[in-house]
C-alpha atoms as a PDB file:
ATOM      1  CA  MET A   1       0.278   0.161  -0.129  1.00  0.00           C
ATOM      2  CA  PRO A   2       1.685   3.147  -1.003  1.00  0.00           C
ATOM      3  CA  LYS A   3       2.073   6.151   1.402  1.00  0.00           C
ATOM      4  CA  GLU A   4      -0.122   9.175   1.614  1.00  0.00           C
ATOM      5  CA  MET A   5       1.445  11.921  -0.559  1.00  0.00           C
ATOM      6  CA  THR A   6       1.819  15.233   1.678  1.00  0.00           C
ATOM      7  CA  GLU A   7       0.645  18.817   0.296  1.00  0.00           C
ATOM      8  CA  LYS A   8       4.323  19.577  -0.203  1.00  0.00           C
ATOM      9  CA  GLN A   9       5.172  16.244  -1.755  1.00  0.00           C
ATOM     10  CA  TYR A  10       2.325  16.938  -3.953  1.00  0.00           C
ATOM     11  CA  ASN A  11       3.392  20.328  -4.985  1.00  0.00           C
ATOM     12  CA  GLN A  12       6.989  19.381  -5.369  1.00  0.00           C
ATOM     13  CA  ALA A  13       5.885  16.847  -7.961  1.00  0.00           C
ATOM     14  CA  ARG A  14       3.650  19.483  -9.661  1.00  0.00           C
ATOM     15  CA  GLU A  15       6.556  21.446 -10.337  1.00  0.00           C
ATOM     16  CA  VAL A  16       8.717  18.457 -11.279  1.00  0.00           C
ATOM     17  CA  LEU A  17       6.016  18.143 -14.000  1.00  0.00           C
ATOM     18  CA  GLY A  18       5.259  21.640 -15.214  1.00  0.00           C
ATOM     19  CA  LEU A  19       2.191  21.977 -13.849  1.00  0.00           C
ATOM     20  CA  SER A  20       0.493  25.413 -12.263  1.00  0.00           C
ATOM     21  CA  ILE A  21      -2.216  24.395  -9.914  1.00  0.00           C
ATOM     22  CA  VAL A  22      -5.158  25.599 -12.534  1.00  0.00           C
ATOM     23  CA  GLY A  23      -2.909  23.343 -15.075  1.00  0.00           C
ATOM     24  CA  ALA A  24      -3.291  20.393 -12.757  1.00  0.00           C
ATOM     25  CA  SER A  25      -6.750  19.680 -13.801  1.00  0.00           C
ATOM     26  CA  VAL A  26      -5.394  17.701 -16.333  1.00  0.00           C
ATOM     27  CA  LEU A  27      -4.701  15.274 -13.641  1.00  0.00           C
ATOM     28  CA  GLY A  28      -8.620  14.539 -13.395  1.00  0.00           C
ATOM     29  CA  ILE A  29      -9.351  16.851 -10.616  1.00  0.00           C
ATOM     30  CA  SER A  30     -11.274  20.191 -10.467  1.00  0.00           C
ATOM     31  CA  ARG A  31      -9.992  23.631 -10.280  1.00  0.00           C
ATOM     32  CA  ARG A  32     -11.106  24.018  -7.203  1.00  0.00           C
ATOM     33  CA  GLN A  33      -9.721  20.780  -5.622  1.00  0.00           C
ATOM     34  CA  ALA A  34      -6.661  21.354  -7.281  1.00  0.00           C
ATOM     35  CA  GLN A  35      -6.595  24.653  -5.244  1.00  0.00           C
ATOM     36  CA  ARG A  36      -7.324  23.063  -2.303  1.00  0.00           C
ATOM     37  CA  ILE A  37      -5.062  20.092  -2.508  1.00  0.00           C
ATOM     38  CA  ALA A  38      -2.142  22.708  -3.443  1.00  0.00           C
ATOM     39  CA  ALA A  39      -2.995  24.795   0.119  1.00  0.00           C
ATOM     40  CA  GLY A  40      -3.321  21.715   1.879  1.00  0.00           C
ATOM     41  CA  ASP A  41      -6.740  22.148   2.761  1.00  0.00           C
ATOM     42  CA  ALA A  42      -7.567  18.962   1.604  1.00  0.00           C
ATOM     43  CA  PRO A  43      -5.916  15.722   1.487  1.00  0.00           C
ATOM     44  CA  VAL A  44      -4.224  14.142  -1.843  1.00  0.00           C
ATOM     45  CA  PRO A  45      -6.402  11.150  -2.796  1.00  0.00           C
ATOM     46  CA  GLY A  46      -4.745   8.145  -3.512  1.00  0.00           C
ATOM     47  CA  PRO A  47      -5.471   7.873  -6.962  1.00  0.00           C
ATOM     48  CA  LEU A  48      -4.244  11.031  -7.774  1.00  0.00           C
ATOM     49  CA  ALA A  49      -0.997  10.157  -5.828  1.00  0.00           C
ATOM     50  CA  ASN A  50      -0.230   7.396  -7.650  1.00  0.00           C
ATOM     51  CA  LEU A  51      -0.518   8.821 -10.828  1.00  0.00           C
ATOM     52  CA  VAL A  52       1.339  11.897 -10.023  1.00  0.00           C
ATOM     53  CA  ARG A  53       4.391   9.394  -8.419  1.00  0.00           C
ATOM     54  CA  LEU A  54       4.033   7.567 -11.421  1.00  0.00           C
ATOM     55  CA  MET A  55       4.431  10.675 -14.408  1.00  0.00           C
ATOM     56  CA  VAL A  56       7.673  11.772 -12.169  1.00  0.00           C
ATOM     57  CA  ALA A  57       9.198   8.258 -12.062  1.00  0.00           C
ATOM     58  CA  LYS A  58       8.268   7.551 -15.979  1.00  0.00           C
ATOM     59  CA  ASN A  59       8.945  11.313 -16.831  1.00  0.00           C
ATOM     60  CA  ILE A  60       5.400  11.254 -18.328  1.00  0.00           C
ATOM     61  CA  LYS A  61       4.730  14.761 -19.742  1.00  0.00           C
ATOM     62  CA  PRO A  62       1.370  16.056 -18.910  1.00  0.00           C
ATOM     63  CA  GLN A  63       0.494  16.688 -22.678  1.00  0.00           C
ATOM     64  CA  TYR A  64       0.142  12.959 -22.956  1.00  0.00           C
ATOM     65  CA  LEU A  65      -2.614  13.119 -20.698  1.00  0.00           C
ATOM     66  CA  GLU A  66      -4.576  15.871 -22.448  1.00  0.00           C
ATOM     67  CA  LYS A  67      -4.474  13.642 -25.735  1.00  0.00           C
ATOM     68  CA  LEU A  68      -6.055  10.540 -24.292  1.00  0.00           C
ATOM     69  CA  GLU A  69      -9.170  12.822 -23.914  1.00  0.00           C
END
């Protein structure tokens, strides 16, 4: 079972991926939810943490996700 992702870890990963808070909507979350997670007002959901970790580990660019829509 993966560890929880903290706000700090999420924000660091988001920066590595080159995503703004608003641009994080490409990860399948709403703009508001992205803002709440980045501010630490909401926990990082497990599936989102897994996706972000995978993207960082495998160097998957956010633009790839946009092509899947």
